[in-house]
Structures are given as structure tokens and as C-alpha cells.
Amino acid sequence: MSDWIIENFEWVLARDDNKLNDLILPTKDYFTAPGGQDEKTARAVADDVARHLNIDQKFHIEPLPNLPDEIAHQYGQMSDIAGQYWHDTDEPLITYSPRNMRQPMNFIATMAHEFLHLKLADHEHLLPGGEAMHELTTDLHMIIEGFGVFALEGADQAGWSGYMTQPTCAYALAVFLKFKGLDAMATNSYLSSRPRKYLKVAIANVDRIDLPSVG
């Protein structure tokens, strides 16, 4: 997994002039969307996420039916559908669960994941691991694109880890921080205790390896 994670970082660096995106944080410096749980707020959050991912393509965003909590989960599943991406060459569609907006970090992570489907749509077969690892790769590239804090904390808010486990997310975030010359202090105030512990272990492991140089 470590080799696969680093290979994906190298793939992005080779395409983007050997530079990584900034670390995105849940502050007003990065998000202009107002508080709330309505469709206008959801669209504003989506626009902020798309801007950070350098996506300028038009897109639609629509809420899924907002079922009562008692019937929103299917037996044997840990969560309801947080979001889905529907590909269209001209104007793709992203759908989301309004319930997910109760957890802002998780909602932003969901938006980032769905937009990464759009950003990677033409490159699935070129990415390390190929099309068979597409969902896992999408989770990873959310971290590579600067949304690692949301990936870790959002999963903790939701009570599940998505396609990638939290220890693996933490390892990818630790690789990102090392590439960027940052330490845990850049993230700790935005993470709860369990994600912080995962990241502390991951940073210790990543400190033992050499990463390719970044220009």
C-alpha cells in the first residue's frame, strides 16, 4: 500500500509541474459557503470544493430523497448513500444526502470524493492500480489534492472509513505533509483524538522512508 500511495503522488507530481495542491482546512480562508443545510449552502460548498480542485467545468448538484432516520439505512450496511457521481461529458451530476450536511467535515469530504471522480474520469486506466482500484484511488487522490484533514475527520464523524481505512488515510496524509514540509501541527487542531492518533503513528512510519524530491 505504501508503494501504491507514493506512486500515485508521483503520478500527480509528474502531471502538475512537480507541485502539490495546498493543504485545505475547514476555515473561512478556504470556504466561503455560509452555515446551513439547505440546497443553496450545498451548492456553495460544492463550488468551493471545485475551486480548490481547479475544476471549472459546469456541473449539477441535487439532493437525494431525505428519508427519515429510522428507514434511511439498509440492513447490513453501515451508512446510507452519502453521494454519487453521474458522468456526463458536458455537465455531470453530483447527488448528495441532505442528512450528510449535519456533519460538515464529512459532507466536504463527500463532495471532494465525487469531484475527484470527475477530475480522474479520463485517467482511470493510467493511474497506478488501474480501473480495478478506481474507488480506492479516488479516496487517495482526495488526500493528494489537499483534502486529507476532511478525509480523516469526516470518516470519524460518519463512523465509517469509506473505501480506504483510516490508518491508510492517515498514512497518505502523512506522505502529503512530508512532501509539503509540514508537520502534525498543521492538522491537529482540526482532528479529533482518534484521527490524531492514527496520524501520529503514520508520521512516524513515513519519517523512516525517503520520498522523491519535489521541485
N, C-alpha and C. Protein backbone atom coordinates (compact mmCIF):
# COMPACT_ATOMS: atom_id res chain seq x y z
N MET A 1 0.83 -1.21 0.00
CA MET A 1 0.00 0.00 0.00
C MET A 1 0.87 1.26 0.00
N SER A 2 1.97 1.21 0.74
CA SER A 2 2.86 2.37 0.78
C SER A 2 3.39 2.69 -0.61
N ASP A 3 3.83 1.66 -1.33
CA ASP A 3 4.36 1.88 -2.68
C ASP A 3 3.28 2.44 -3.60
N TRP A 4 2.06 1.89 -3.50
CA TRP A 4 0.95 2.34 -4.35
C TRP A 4 0.60 3.80 -4.04
N ILE A 5 0.59 4.17 -2.78
CA ILE A 5 0.29 5.55 -2.38
C ILE A 5 1.33 6.50 -2.97
N ILE A 6 2.59 6.16 -2.80
CA ILE A 6 3.66 7.05 -3.29
C ILE A 6 3.66 7.11 -4.82
N GLU A 7 3.35 5.99 -5.48
CA GLU A 7 3.27 6.00 -6.95
C GLU A 7 2.18 6.96 -7.43
N ASN A 8 1.08 7.03 -6.71
CA ASN A 8 0.01 7.96 -7.09
C ASN A 8 0.44 9.41 -6.87
N PHE A 9 1.17 9.67 -5.79
CA PHE A 9 1.72 11.01 -5.60
C PHE A 9 2.65 11.37 -6.76
N GLU A 10 3.48 10.43 -7.16
CA GLU A 10 4.41 10.68 -8.26
C GLU A 10 3.67 10.95 -9.56
N TRP A 11 2.56 10.23 -9.77
CA TRP A 11 1.76 10.43 -10.98
C TRP A 11 1.24 11.85 -11.04
N VAL A 12 0.73 12.36 -9.92
CA VAL A 12 0.22 13.73 -9.87
C VAL A 12 1.35 14.74 -10.04
N LEU A 13 2.46 14.51 -9.37
CA LEU A 13 3.59 15.43 -9.46
C LEU A 13 4.12 15.53 -10.88
N ALA A 14 4.14 14.41 -11.59
CA ALA A 14 4.64 14.40 -12.96
C ALA A 14 3.73 15.19 -13.90
N ARG A 15 2.43 15.25 -13.56
CA ARG A 15 1.48 15.97 -14.41
C ARG A 15 1.36 17.45 -14.04
N ASP A 16 1.64 17.80 -12.82
CA ASP A 16 1.39 19.16 -12.32
C ASP A 16 2.67 19.91 -11.97
N ASP A 17 3.66 19.83 -12.87
CA ASP A 17 4.91 20.59 -12.71
C ASP A 17 5.58 20.35 -11.36
N ASN A 18 5.48 19.12 -10.87
CA ASN A 18 6.17 18.72 -9.64
C ASN A 18 5.69 19.52 -8.42
N LYS A 19 4.41 19.89 -8.43
CA LYS A 19 3.84 20.64 -7.31
C LYS A 19 2.56 19.97 -6.82
N LEU A 20 2.32 20.06 -5.52
CA LEU A 20 1.09 19.57 -4.93
C LEU A 20 0.20 20.75 -4.53
N ASN A 21 -1.09 20.50 -4.48
CA ASN A 21 -2.04 21.50 -4.03
C ASN A 21 -1.76 21.85 -2.57
N ASP A 22 -2.30 22.98 -2.11
CA ASP A 22 -2.17 23.36 -0.71
C ASP A 22 -2.97 22.42 0.19
N LEU A 23 -2.63 22.39 1.46
CA LEU A 23 -3.44 21.70 2.45
C LEU A 23 -4.70 22.53 2.67
N ILE A 24 -5.86 21.93 2.42
CA ILE A 24 -7.14 22.61 2.58
C ILE A 24 -7.65 22.39 4.00
N LEU A 25 -8.06 23.46 4.65
CA LEU A 25 -8.50 23.38 6.05
C LEU A 25 -9.93 23.91 6.19
N PRO A 26 -10.64 23.49 7.24
CA PRO A 26 -12.03 23.92 7.43
C PRO A 26 -12.13 25.30 8.07
N THR A 27 -11.66 26.29 7.36
CA THR A 27 -11.69 27.68 7.86
C THR A 27 -12.27 28.59 6.79
N LYS A 28 -12.57 29.82 7.19
CA LYS A 28 -13.11 30.81 6.26
C LYS A 28 -12.10 31.23 5.21
N ASP A 29 -10.83 30.92 5.44
CA ASP A 29 -9.83 31.21 4.42
C ASP A 29 -10.01 30.33 3.19
N TYR A 30 -10.66 29.18 3.37
CA TYR A 30 -10.81 28.21 2.28
C TYR A 30 -12.25 28.04 1.83
N PHE A 31 -13.21 28.38 2.69
CA PHE A 31 -14.62 28.15 2.36
C PHE A 31 -15.45 29.41 2.56
N THR A 32 -16.14 29.78 1.51
CA THR A 32 -16.98 30.97 1.54
C THR A 32 -18.44 30.63 1.82
N ALA A 33 -18.78 29.34 1.79
CA ALA A 33 -20.17 28.92 1.96
C ALA A 33 -20.67 29.28 3.36
N PRO A 34 -21.91 29.77 3.48
CA PRO A 34 -22.47 30.07 4.79
C PRO A 34 -22.87 28.79 5.52
N GLY A 35 -23.17 28.90 6.79
CA GLY A 35 -23.67 27.75 7.51
C GLY A 35 -25.07 27.41 7.06
N GLY A 36 -25.52 26.20 7.34
CA GLY A 36 -26.86 25.78 6.96
C GLY A 36 -26.87 24.42 6.33
N GLN A 37 -28.08 23.93 6.06
CA GLN A 37 -28.25 22.60 5.49
C GLN A 37 -29.19 22.62 4.29
N ASP A 38 -29.35 23.79 3.66
CA ASP A 38 -30.25 23.86 2.53
C ASP A 38 -29.49 23.66 1.21
N GLU A 39 -30.22 23.65 0.11
CA GLU A 39 -29.60 23.38 -1.19
C GLU A 39 -28.66 24.51 -1.62
N LYS A 40 -28.96 25.73 -1.22
CA LYS A 40 -28.08 26.85 -1.56
C LYS A 40 -26.72 26.69 -0.89
N THR A 41 -26.72 26.25 0.38
CA THR A 41 -25.46 26.02 1.08
C THR A 41 -24.70 24.87 0.45
N ALA A 42 -25.41 23.79 0.10
CA ALA A 42 -24.76 22.65 -0.53
C ALA A 42 -24.07 23.06 -1.82
N ARG A 43 -24.73 23.90 -2.62
CA ARG A 43 -24.14 24.37 -3.87
C ARG A 43 -22.92 25.23 -3.60
N ALA A 44 -22.98 26.07 -2.58
CA ALA A 44 -21.84 26.93 -2.26
C ALA A 44 -20.64 26.10 -1.82
N VAL A 45 -20.88 25.06 -1.01
CA VAL A 45 -19.79 24.18 -0.59
C VAL A 45 -19.20 23.47 -1.81
N ALA A 46 -20.07 22.97 -2.68
CA ALA A 46 -19.60 22.29 -3.89
C ALA A 46 -18.75 23.22 -4.74
N ASP A 47 -19.17 24.47 -4.88
CA ASP A 47 -18.40 25.44 -5.66
C ASP A 47 -17.03 25.68 -5.03
N ASP A 48 -16.98 25.76 -3.70
CA ASP A 48 -15.69 25.94 -3.01
C ASP A 48 -14.77 24.75 -3.27
N VAL A 49 -15.32 23.54 -3.15
CA VAL A 49 -14.51 22.34 -3.36
C VAL A 49 -14.00 22.28 -4.80
N ALA A 50 -14.88 22.56 -5.76
CA ALA A 50 -14.47 22.54 -7.17
C ALA A 50 -13.37 23.56 -7.43
N ARG A 51 -13.48 24.72 -6.81
CA ARG A 51 -12.44 25.76 -6.99
C ARG A 51 -11.09 25.27 -6.48
N HIS A 52 -11.06 24.64 -5.31
CA HIS A 52 -9.79 24.14 -4.77
C HIS A 52 -9.20 23.02 -5.62
N LEU A 53 -10.06 22.29 -6.33
CA LEU A 53 -9.59 21.21 -7.18
C LEU A 53 -9.32 21.68 -8.61
N ASN A 54 -9.43 23.00 -8.82
CA ASN A 54 -9.19 23.59 -10.14
C ASN A 54 -10.10 22.99 -11.21
N ILE A 55 -11.36 22.76 -10.84
CA ILE A 55 -12.37 22.27 -11.77
C ILE A 55 -13.24 23.44 -12.19
N ASP A 56 -13.23 23.74 -13.47
CA ASP A 56 -14.04 24.86 -13.97
C ASP A 56 -15.17 24.38 -14.87
N GLN A 57 -15.36 23.08 -14.98
CA GLN A 57 -16.43 22.53 -15.79
C GLN A 57 -17.79 22.75 -15.11
N LYS A 58 -18.82 23.01 -15.88
CA LYS A 58 -20.16 23.15 -15.31
C LYS A 58 -20.62 21.81 -14.75
N PHE A 59 -21.40 21.85 -13.68
CA PHE A 59 -21.92 20.63 -13.09
C PHE A 59 -23.25 20.92 -12.41
N HIS A 60 -24.03 19.87 -12.23
CA HIS A 60 -25.28 19.97 -11.49
C HIS A 60 -25.10 19.28 -10.13
N ILE A 61 -25.78 19.75 -9.12
CA ILE A 61 -25.77 19.11 -7.81
C ILE A 61 -27.21 19.05 -7.31
N GLU A 62 -27.64 17.86 -6.88
CA GLU A 62 -29.02 17.66 -6.46
C GLU A 62 -29.06 16.81 -5.19
N PRO A 63 -30.00 17.11 -4.28
CA PRO A 63 -30.14 16.28 -3.08
C PRO A 63 -30.87 14.99 -3.39
N LEU A 64 -30.48 13.93 -2.71
CA LEU A 64 -31.23 12.67 -2.74
C LEU A 64 -32.47 12.81 -1.85
N PRO A 65 -33.45 11.95 -2.02
CA PRO A 65 -34.61 12.00 -1.12
C PRO A 65 -34.18 11.91 0.34
N ASN A 66 -34.71 12.79 1.16
CA ASN A 66 -34.31 12.86 2.56
C ASN A 66 -35.23 11.98 3.40
N LEU A 67 -34.89 10.69 3.49
CA LEU A 67 -35.71 9.74 4.22
C LEU A 67 -35.57 9.95 5.72
N PRO A 68 -36.60 9.58 6.51
CA PRO A 68 -36.46 9.64 7.96
C PRO A 68 -35.30 8.76 8.44
N ASP A 69 -34.66 9.15 9.53
CA ASP A 69 -33.51 8.41 10.04
C ASP A 69 -33.81 6.93 10.24
N GLU A 70 -35.04 6.61 10.68
CA GLU A 70 -35.37 5.24 11.02
C GLU A 70 -35.33 4.28 9.83
N ILE A 71 -35.52 4.82 8.61
CA ILE A 71 -35.56 3.94 7.44
C ILE A 71 -34.48 4.29 6.42
N ALA A 72 -33.54 5.14 6.80
CA ALA A 72 -32.52 5.59 5.85
C ALA A 72 -31.44 4.55 5.62
N HIS A 73 -31.27 3.59 6.54
CA HIS A 73 -30.21 2.59 6.43
C HIS A 73 -30.78 1.25 6.00
N GLN A 74 -30.07 0.56 5.15
CA GLN A 74 -30.45 -0.80 4.78
C GLN A 74 -29.77 -1.79 5.73
N TYR A 75 -30.45 -2.87 6.00
CA TYR A 75 -29.91 -3.87 6.91
C TYR A 75 -28.56 -4.37 6.41
N GLY A 76 -27.58 -4.41 7.32
CA GLY A 76 -26.25 -4.92 6.97
C GLY A 76 -25.32 -3.87 6.42
N GLN A 77 -25.81 -2.63 6.24
CA GLN A 77 -24.95 -1.55 5.76
C GLN A 77 -24.68 -0.57 6.89
N MET A 78 -23.48 0.02 6.90
CA MET A 78 -23.08 0.92 7.97
C MET A 78 -23.59 2.34 7.75
N SER A 79 -23.94 2.68 6.53
CA SER A 79 -24.37 4.06 6.28
C SER A 79 -25.27 4.10 5.08
N ASP A 80 -26.02 5.18 4.95
CA ASP A 80 -26.78 5.40 3.73
C ASP A 80 -25.83 6.01 2.70
N ILE A 81 -26.35 6.22 1.48
CA ILE A 81 -25.51 6.77 0.42
C ILE A 81 -25.20 8.23 0.72
N ALA A 82 -23.92 8.56 0.81
CA ALA A 82 -23.52 9.94 1.12
C ALA A 82 -23.55 10.81 -0.13
N GLY A 83 -23.16 10.23 -1.26
CA GLY A 83 -23.12 10.98 -2.51
C GLY A 83 -22.84 10.06 -3.68
N GLN A 84 -23.18 10.51 -4.87
CA GLN A 84 -22.92 9.74 -6.08
C GLN A 84 -22.53 10.69 -7.21
N TYR A 85 -21.70 10.16 -8.12
CA TYR A 85 -21.28 10.94 -9.29
C TYR A 85 -21.86 10.28 -10.53
N TRP A 86 -22.51 11.10 -11.36
CA TRP A 86 -23.11 10.63 -12.61
C TRP A 86 -22.41 11.35 -13.76
N HIS A 87 -21.63 10.60 -14.52
CA HIS A 87 -20.78 11.21 -15.54
C HIS A 87 -21.57 11.69 -16.75
N ASP A 88 -21.22 12.85 -17.21
CA ASP A 88 -21.73 13.42 -18.45
C ASP A 88 -20.63 14.33 -18.99
N THR A 89 -20.34 14.20 -20.25
CA THR A 89 -19.22 14.95 -20.84
C THR A 89 -19.41 16.46 -20.70
N ASP A 90 -20.65 16.93 -20.82
CA ASP A 90 -20.90 18.37 -20.78
C ASP A 90 -21.15 18.88 -19.37
N GLU A 91 -22.14 18.32 -18.68
CA GLU A 91 -22.49 18.79 -17.34
C GLU A 91 -22.81 17.59 -16.44
N PRO A 92 -21.80 17.04 -15.77
CA PRO A 92 -22.03 15.89 -14.89
C PRO A 92 -22.92 16.27 -13.70
N LEU A 93 -23.46 15.23 -13.07
CA LEU A 93 -24.36 15.42 -11.94
C LEU A 93 -23.75 14.80 -10.68
N ILE A 94 -23.81 15.55 -9.57
CA ILE A 94 -23.44 15.02 -8.26
C ILE A 94 -24.69 15.05 -7.39
N THR A 95 -25.02 13.91 -6.81
CA THR A 95 -26.14 13.86 -5.87
C THR A 95 -25.58 13.64 -4.46
N TYR A 96 -26.33 14.09 -3.47
CA TYR A 96 -25.84 14.00 -2.10
C TYR A 96 -27.00 13.77 -1.14
N SER A 97 -26.69 13.22 0.02
CA SER A 97 -27.68 13.03 1.07
C SER A 97 -27.77 14.30 1.92
N PRO A 98 -28.92 14.95 2.00
CA PRO A 98 -29.04 16.13 2.86
C PRO A 98 -28.67 15.82 4.32
N ARG A 99 -28.90 14.59 4.74
CA ARG A 99 -28.55 14.19 6.12
C ARG A 99 -27.05 14.34 6.36
N ASN A 100 -26.28 14.16 5.33
CA ASN A 100 -24.82 14.24 5.43
C ASN A 100 -24.36 15.65 5.79
N MET A 101 -25.20 16.65 5.53
CA MET A 101 -24.81 18.03 5.81
C MET A 101 -24.80 18.34 7.31
N ARG A 102 -25.35 17.44 8.12
CA ARG A 102 -25.28 17.62 9.57
C ARG A 102 -23.84 17.50 10.07
N GLN A 103 -23.00 16.87 9.26
CA GLN A 103 -21.58 16.67 9.60
C GLN A 103 -20.74 17.38 8.54
N PRO A 104 -20.44 18.65 8.73
CA PRO A 104 -19.81 19.44 7.67
C PRO A 104 -18.50 18.86 7.13
N MET A 105 -17.65 18.33 8.01
CA MET A 105 -16.38 17.77 7.53
C MET A 105 -16.65 16.56 6.62
N ASN A 106 -17.60 15.74 7.00
CA ASN A 106 -17.94 14.57 6.20
C ASN A 106 -18.58 14.98 4.88
N PHE A 107 -19.41 16.01 4.91
CA PHE A 107 -20.05 16.48 3.68
C PHE A 107 -19.01 17.02 2.70
N ILE A 108 -18.05 17.79 3.19
CA ILE A 108 -17.00 18.31 2.32
C ILE A 108 -16.16 17.17 1.76
N ALA A 109 -15.86 16.17 2.59
CA ALA A 109 -15.11 15.01 2.10
C ALA A 109 -15.89 14.29 1.00
N THR A 110 -17.21 14.17 1.17
CA THR A 110 -18.04 13.54 0.15
C THR A 110 -17.99 14.32 -1.15
N MET A 111 -18.11 15.64 -1.06
CA MET A 111 -18.04 16.47 -2.26
C MET A 111 -16.68 16.31 -2.95
N ALA A 112 -15.61 16.33 -2.17
CA ALA A 112 -14.28 16.18 -2.75
C ALA A 112 -14.14 14.84 -3.45
N HIS A 113 -14.65 13.77 -2.82
CA HIS A 113 -14.57 12.44 -3.42
C HIS A 113 -15.32 12.42 -4.76
N GLU A 114 -16.53 12.97 -4.80
CA GLU A 114 -17.31 12.94 -6.03
C GLU A 114 -16.66 13.78 -7.12
N PHE A 115 -16.10 14.93 -6.76
CA PHE A 115 -15.42 15.75 -7.76
C PHE A 115 -14.15 15.08 -8.28
N LEU A 116 -13.52 14.25 -7.45
CA LEU A 116 -12.34 13.53 -7.93
C LEU A 116 -12.73 12.50 -8.98
N HIS A 117 -13.96 11.97 -8.90
CA HIS A 117 -14.44 11.12 -9.99
C HIS A 117 -14.42 11.89 -11.30
N LEU A 118 -14.87 13.14 -11.25
CA LEU A 118 -14.86 13.97 -12.45
C LEU A 118 -13.44 14.25 -12.91
N LYS A 119 -12.57 14.62 -11.99
CA LYS A 119 -11.21 15.01 -12.36
C LYS A 119 -10.40 13.83 -12.91
N LEU A 120 -10.70 12.62 -12.43
CA LEU A 120 -9.93 11.44 -12.83
C LEU A 120 -10.62 10.62 -13.91
N ALA A 121 -11.78 11.07 -14.37
CA ALA A 121 -12.60 10.26 -15.28
C ALA A 121 -11.86 9.80 -16.53
N ASP A 122 -10.99 10.65 -17.05
CA ASP A 122 -10.27 10.31 -18.29
C ASP A 122 -8.95 9.60 -18.05
N HIS A 123 -8.64 9.32 -16.77
CA HIS A 123 -7.31 8.79 -16.46
C HIS A 123 -7.33 7.46 -15.68
N GLU A 124 -8.52 6.87 -15.52
CA GLU A 124 -8.63 5.67 -14.68
C GLU A 124 -7.63 4.60 -15.08
N HIS A 125 -7.49 4.36 -16.38
CA HIS A 125 -6.63 3.27 -16.86
C HIS A 125 -5.15 3.62 -16.75
N LEU A 126 -4.82 4.90 -16.54
CA LEU A 126 -3.43 5.33 -16.46
C LEU A 126 -2.90 5.35 -15.02
N LEU A 127 -3.79 5.41 -14.06
CA LEU A 127 -3.39 5.54 -12.66
C LEU A 127 -2.82 4.24 -12.12
N PRO A 128 -1.87 4.32 -11.18
CA PRO A 128 -1.34 3.10 -10.56
C PRO A 128 -2.47 2.25 -9.97
N GLY A 129 -2.53 1.00 -10.36
CA GLY A 129 -3.59 0.12 -9.90
C GLY A 129 -4.70 -0.05 -10.92
N GLY A 130 -4.79 0.88 -11.88
CA GLY A 130 -5.77 0.75 -12.96
C GLY A 130 -7.21 0.93 -12.51
N GLU A 131 -8.12 0.58 -13.42
CA GLU A 131 -9.54 0.78 -13.18
C GLU A 131 -10.07 -0.04 -12.03
N ALA A 132 -9.46 -1.19 -11.76
CA ALA A 132 -9.94 -2.06 -10.69
C ALA A 132 -9.89 -1.40 -9.32
N MET A 133 -9.02 -0.42 -9.15
CA MET A 133 -8.86 0.27 -7.87
C MET A 133 -9.42 1.68 -7.91
N HIS A 134 -10.37 1.92 -8.80
CA HIS A 134 -10.81 3.30 -9.05
C HIS A 134 -11.38 3.97 -7.80
N GLU A 135 -12.28 3.32 -7.07
CA GLU A 135 -12.87 3.96 -5.90
C GLU A 135 -11.82 4.22 -4.82
N LEU A 136 -10.95 3.24 -4.60
CA LEU A 136 -9.87 3.42 -3.63
C LEU A 136 -8.93 4.54 -4.07
N THR A 137 -8.63 4.58 -5.36
CA THR A 137 -7.77 5.63 -5.90
C THR A 137 -8.42 7.01 -5.73
N THR A 138 -9.73 7.08 -5.90
CA THR A 138 -10.43 8.34 -5.75
C THR A 138 -10.31 8.86 -4.32
N ASP A 139 -10.47 7.97 -3.34
CA ASP A 139 -10.25 8.35 -1.94
C ASP A 139 -8.83 8.86 -1.73
N LEU A 140 -7.86 8.17 -2.31
CA LEU A 140 -6.46 8.58 -2.14
C LEU A 140 -6.20 9.95 -2.75
N HIS A 141 -6.73 10.18 -3.94
CA HIS A 141 -6.46 11.45 -4.62
C HIS A 141 -7.16 12.63 -3.93
N MET A 142 -8.21 12.35 -3.18
CA MET A 142 -8.79 13.41 -2.35
C MET A 142 -7.73 13.92 -1.36
N ILE A 143 -6.93 13.01 -0.82
CA ILE A 143 -5.86 13.39 0.11
C ILE A 143 -4.71 14.06 -0.64
N ILE A 144 -4.33 13.50 -1.78
CA ILE A 144 -3.25 14.08 -2.58
C ILE A 144 -3.59 15.51 -3.00
N GLU A 145 -4.88 15.78 -3.21
CA GLU A 145 -5.31 17.11 -3.65
C GLU A 145 -5.52 18.08 -2.49
N GLY A 146 -5.17 17.67 -1.27
CA GLY A 146 -5.18 18.59 -0.14
C GLY A 146 -6.31 18.42 0.85
N PHE A 147 -7.20 17.45 0.63
CA PHE A 147 -8.37 17.28 1.49
C PHE A 147 -8.18 16.17 2.52
N GLY A 148 -6.95 15.91 2.93
CA GLY A 148 -6.69 14.83 3.88
C GLY A 148 -7.31 15.02 5.25
N VAL A 149 -7.36 16.25 5.73
CA VAL A 149 -7.99 16.52 7.02
C VAL A 149 -9.46 16.14 6.98
N PHE A 150 -10.13 16.44 5.88
CA PHE A 150 -11.54 16.11 5.73
C PHE A 150 -11.73 14.60 5.58
N ALA A 151 -10.82 13.95 4.87
CA ALA A 151 -10.92 12.51 4.71
C ALA A 151 -10.86 11.79 6.05
N LEU A 152 -9.92 12.21 6.91
CA LEU A 152 -9.76 11.57 8.22
C LEU A 152 -10.88 11.94 9.18
N GLU A 153 -11.13 13.22 9.35
CA GLU A 153 -12.12 13.65 10.33
C GLU A 153 -13.54 13.35 9.85
N GLY A 154 -13.77 13.48 8.55
CA GLY A 154 -15.09 13.18 8.03
C GLY A 154 -15.48 11.73 8.25
N ALA A 155 -14.53 10.83 8.04
CA ALA A 155 -14.80 9.41 8.29
C ALA A 155 -15.09 9.16 9.76
N ASP A 156 -14.39 9.86 10.63
CA ASP A 156 -14.62 9.69 12.07
C ASP A 156 -16.01 10.22 12.45
N GLN A 157 -16.42 11.33 11.85
CA GLN A 157 -17.76 11.86 12.09
C GLN A 157 -18.83 10.87 11.65
N ALA A 158 -18.60 10.26 10.49
CA ALA A 158 -19.61 9.37 9.92
C ALA A 158 -19.63 8.01 10.58
N GLY A 159 -18.55 7.64 11.26
CA GLY A 159 -18.48 6.33 11.90
C GLY A 159 -18.11 5.20 10.96
N TRP A 160 -17.58 5.56 9.77
CA TRP A 160 -17.07 4.54 8.86
C TRP A 160 -15.95 5.16 8.05
N SER A 161 -15.19 4.33 7.33
CA SER A 161 -13.95 4.83 6.74
C SER A 161 -14.02 5.06 5.24
N GLY A 162 -15.18 4.80 4.59
CA GLY A 162 -15.19 4.93 3.15
C GLY A 162 -14.50 3.74 2.50
N TYR A 163 -13.90 3.95 1.35
CA TYR A 163 -13.23 2.85 0.65
C TYR A 163 -11.86 2.57 1.24
N MET A 164 -11.25 3.56 1.84
CA MET A 164 -9.92 3.44 2.40
C MET A 164 -9.99 3.49 3.93
N THR A 165 -9.27 2.60 4.60
CA THR A 165 -9.30 2.59 6.06
C THR A 165 -8.67 3.87 6.61
N GLN A 166 -9.02 4.20 7.84
CA GLN A 166 -8.46 5.41 8.44
C GLN A 166 -6.94 5.34 8.62
N PRO A 167 -6.37 4.20 9.04
CA PRO A 167 -4.90 4.14 9.10
C PRO A 167 -4.24 4.40 7.75
N THR A 168 -4.85 3.89 6.66
CA THR A 168 -4.28 4.14 5.34
C THR A 168 -4.45 5.59 4.94
N CYS A 169 -5.62 6.18 5.25
CA CYS A 169 -5.81 7.62 5.01
C CYS A 169 -4.77 8.44 5.75
N ALA A 170 -4.53 8.06 7.00
CA ALA A 170 -3.55 8.78 7.81
C ALA A 170 -2.16 8.67 7.20
N TYR A 171 -1.83 7.49 6.69
CA TYR A 171 -0.51 7.30 6.07
C TYR A 171 -0.38 8.21 4.83
N ALA A 172 -1.44 8.25 4.01
CA ALA A 172 -1.40 9.11 2.82
C ALA A 172 -1.28 10.57 3.21
N LEU A 173 -1.99 10.98 4.26
CA LEU A 173 -1.88 12.37 4.73
C LEU A 173 -0.47 12.65 5.24
N ALA A 174 0.13 11.69 5.92
CA ALA A 174 1.50 11.86 6.41
C ALA A 174 2.47 12.03 5.24
N VAL A 175 2.26 11.28 4.16
CA VAL A 175 3.09 11.43 2.97
C VAL A 175 2.90 12.83 2.38
N PHE A 176 1.64 13.28 2.31
CA PHE A 176 1.36 14.62 1.81
C PHE A 176 2.08 15.68 2.65
N LEU A 177 1.99 15.58 3.97
CA LEU A 177 2.62 16.55 4.85
C LEU A 177 4.13 16.57 4.66
N LYS A 178 4.71 15.38 4.48
CA LYS A 178 6.16 15.32 4.29
C LYS A 178 6.57 15.96 2.97
N PHE A 179 5.81 15.68 1.91
CA PHE A 179 6.08 16.32 0.63
C PHE A 179 6.02 17.85 0.75
N LYS A 180 5.04 18.34 1.53
CA LYS A 180 4.83 19.78 1.65
C LYS A 180 5.71 20.43 2.72
N GLY A 181 6.49 19.65 3.46
CA GLY A 181 7.33 20.21 4.51
C GLY A 181 6.54 20.69 5.71
N LEU A 182 5.38 20.05 5.97
CA LEU A 182 4.52 20.39 7.10
C LEU A 182 4.60 19.30 8.16
N ASP A 183 4.17 19.62 9.38
CA ASP A 183 4.11 18.60 10.42
C ASP A 183 2.69 18.50 10.96
N ALA A 184 2.51 17.68 11.98
CA ALA A 184 1.18 17.42 12.51
C ALA A 184 0.51 18.68 13.06
N MET A 185 1.30 19.68 13.45
CA MET A 185 0.72 20.90 13.99
C MET A 185 -0.18 21.60 12.96
N ALA A 186 0.04 21.33 11.68
CA ALA A 186 -0.77 21.94 10.63
C ALA A 186 -2.18 21.36 10.60
N THR A 187 -2.36 20.19 11.21
CA THR A 187 -3.64 19.48 11.12
C THR A 187 -4.29 19.20 12.46
N ASN A 188 -3.52 19.09 13.53
CA ASN A 188 -4.03 18.53 14.79
C ASN A 188 -5.22 19.28 15.37
N SER A 189 -5.26 20.60 15.23
CA SER A 189 -6.36 21.35 15.82
C SER A 189 -7.68 21.12 15.09
N TYR A 190 -7.62 20.45 13.93
CA TYR A 190 -8.83 20.18 13.16
C TYR A 190 -9.23 18.70 13.23
N LEU A 191 -8.46 17.91 13.97
CA LEU A 191 -8.74 16.47 14.07
C LEU A 191 -9.12 16.10 15.50
N SER A 192 -10.04 15.18 15.65
CA SER A 192 -10.38 14.67 16.97
C SER A 192 -9.35 13.63 17.39
N SER A 193 -9.50 13.08 18.58
CA SER A 193 -8.42 12.29 19.18
C SER A 193 -8.05 11.05 18.38
N ARG A 194 -9.02 10.30 17.89
CA ARG A 194 -8.68 9.07 17.16
C ARG A 194 -7.94 9.34 15.86
N PRO A 195 -8.42 10.26 14.99
CA PRO A 195 -7.63 10.58 13.80
C PRO A 195 -6.23 11.11 14.12
N ARG A 196 -6.10 11.89 15.20
CA ARG A 196 -4.77 12.39 15.59
C ARG A 196 -3.84 11.24 15.93
N LYS A 197 -4.36 10.22 16.60
CA LYS A 197 -3.53 9.06 16.95
C LYS A 197 -3.09 8.31 15.69
N TYR A 198 -4.03 8.12 14.76
CA TYR A 198 -3.67 7.46 13.50
C TYR A 198 -2.58 8.24 12.78
N LEU A 199 -2.72 9.57 12.76
CA LEU A 199 -1.76 10.39 12.04
C LEU A 199 -0.39 10.38 12.73
N LYS A 200 -0.38 10.37 14.04
CA LYS A 200 0.89 10.33 14.78
C LYS A 200 1.68 9.07 14.42
N VAL A 201 0.99 7.93 14.39
CA VAL A 201 1.65 6.67 14.01
C VAL A 201 2.12 6.73 12.56
N ALA A 202 1.28 7.26 11.68
CA ALA A 202 1.62 7.33 10.26
C ALA A 202 2.83 8.21 10.01
N ILE A 203 2.88 9.36 10.69
CA ILE A 203 4.03 10.26 10.52
C ILE A 203 5.32 9.58 10.94
N ALA A 204 5.27 8.83 12.03
CA ALA A 204 6.46 8.10 12.49
C ALA A 204 6.91 7.09 11.44
N ASN A 205 5.96 6.43 10.79
CA ASN A 205 6.32 5.45 9.76
C ASN A 205 6.85 6.11 8.50
N VAL A 206 6.22 7.22 8.09
CA VAL A 206 6.66 7.91 6.88
C VAL A 206 8.02 8.56 7.08
N ASP A 207 8.34 8.96 8.29
CA ASP A 207 9.65 9.57 8.55
C ASP A 207 10.79 8.59 8.28
N ARG A 208 10.49 7.31 8.23
CA ARG A 208 11.53 6.29 8.01
C ARG A 208 11.84 6.05 6.55
N ILE A 209 11.04 6.64 5.64
CA ILE A 209 11.24 6.38 4.22
C ILE A 209 11.70 7.64 3.50
N ASP A 210 12.34 7.44 2.35
CA ASP A 210 12.76 8.56 1.51
C ASP A 210 11.71 8.77 0.42
N LEU A 211 11.32 10.02 0.22
CA LEU A 211 10.36 10.36 -0.83
C LEU A 211 11.09 10.99 -2.01
N PRO A 212 10.51 10.86 -3.21
CA PRO A 212 11.10 11.56 -4.37
C PRO A 212 11.16 13.06 -4.10
N SER A 213 12.13 13.73 -4.68
CA SER A 213 12.27 15.16 -4.46
C SER A 213 11.17 15.92 -5.18
N VAL A 214 10.77 17.06 -4.58
CA VAL A 214 9.73 17.91 -5.15
C VAL A 214 10.35 19.24 -5.51
N GLY A 215 10.10 19.71 -6.74
CA GLY A 215 10.64 20.99 -7.17
C GLY A 215 9.84 22.16 -6.67
